[in-house]
Protein backbone atom coordinates (compact mmCIF):
# COMPACT_ATOMS: atom_id res chain seq x y z
CA UNK A 1 138.37 112.09 88.12
CA UNK A 2 134.77 113.57 88.23
CA UNK A 3 133.60 110.79 86.46
CA UNK A 4 135.00 108.73 89.07
CA UNK A 5 133.40 110.00 91.59
CA UNK A 6 129.85 110.58 89.97
CA UNK A 7 129.75 106.79 89.34
CA UNK A 8 130.59 106.42 93.02
CA UNK A 9 128.00 108.73 93.96
CA UNK A 10 125.31 106.88 91.73
CA UNK A 11 126.42 103.42 93.38
CA UNK A 12 126.28 104.63 96.67
CA UNK A 13 122.52 106.05 96.23
CA UNK A 14 121.80 102.31 94.62
CA UNK A 15 123.09 100.64 97.95
CA UNK A 16 121.49 103.34 100.47
CA UNK A 17 118.31 102.35 98.68
CA UNK A 18 118.87 98.56 98.66
CA UNK A 19 119.44 99.10 102.41
CA UNK A 20 116.52 101.29 103.31
CA UNK A 21 114.41 98.28 101.51
CA UNK A 22 115.86 96.00 103.39
CA UNK A 23 115.58 97.65 106.63
CA UNK A 24 111.72 97.82 105.88
CA UNK A 25 111.19 94.62 104.58
CA UNK A 26 113.04 92.72 107.43
CA UNK A 27 111.05 94.72 110.30
CA UNK A 28 113.75 97.03 111.36
CA UNK A 29 111.78 99.96 110.92
CA UNK A 30 108.75 98.71 112.51
CA UNK A 31 110.55 97.23 115.59
CA UNK A 32 112.35 100.68 115.73
CA UNK A 33 108.37 102.58 115.49
CA UNK A 34 107.10 100.34 117.90
CA UNK A 35 110.13 101.09 120.01
CA UNK A 36 109.25 105.05 120.13
CA UNK A 37 105.70 104.18 120.53
CA UNK A 38 104.95 105.39 116.76
CA UNK A 39 103.05 101.50 116.30
CA UNK A 40 99.36 100.73 114.66
CA UNK A 41 98.54 102.35 111.40
CA UNK A 42 101.09 105.22 111.83
CA UNK A 43 103.78 102.98 111.83
CA UNK A 44 102.64 100.42 108.74
CA UNK A 45 102.13 103.58 106.89
CA UNK A 46 105.56 104.80 107.75
CA UNK A 47 107.02 101.68 107.01
CA UNK A 48 105.10 101.22 103.66
CA UNK A 49 106.55 104.80 102.80
CA UNK A 50 110.14 103.80 103.90
CA UNK A 51 110.07 100.41 101.44
CA UNK A 52 108.43 102.36 98.41
CA UNK A 53 111.63 105.12 98.91
CA UNK A 54 114.10 102.80 98.98
CA UNK A 55 112.93 100.85 96.23
CA UNK A 56 112.13 103.64 94.23
CA UNK A 57 115.53 105.02 95.20
CA UNK A 58 117.30 101.67 94.13
CA UNK A 59 115.77 101.68 91.17
CA UNK A 60 116.31 104.76 89.97
CA UNK A 61 120.14 104.83 90.80
CA UNK A 62 120.42 100.98 89.24
CA UNK A 63 119.20 102.76 86.46
CA UNK A 64 121.70 105.56 86.27
CA UNK A 65 124.44 102.92 87.03
CA UNK A 66 123.43 100.66 84.18
CA UNK A 67 123.50 103.39 81.82
CA UNK A 68 127.08 104.86 83.08
CA UNK A 69 128.54 101.29 82.68
CA UNK A 70 126.43 101.24 79.36
CA UNK A 71 127.89 104.36 78.29
CA UNK A 72 131.56 103.14 79.71
CA UNK A 73 131.85 100.03 77.71
CA UNK A 74 130.13 101.73 74.38
CA UNK A 75 133.18 103.81 73.99
CA UNK A 76 135.92 101.15 75.10
CA UNK A 77 134.97 98.87 72.57
CA UNK A 78 138.16 96.65 73.99
CA UNK A 79 138.13 94.60 76.90
CA UNK A 80 134.75 95.65 78.21
């Protein structure tokens, strides 16, 4: 059971990183920061930081997910 929850946690981490990256790239973060009055250079910097964190999170958890799937498939030779 702990192996399944570990994979689920890694997948949710990957999915969260992708969502934050998409929110930043599609401009929702910029619109929200403009709505609360943080537009201009500070809003741009925060948008870039959120996009960078989302990208790094998706890459890191994607690599962990790939490693877990690779180990699982290497252990089960048939049917994978």
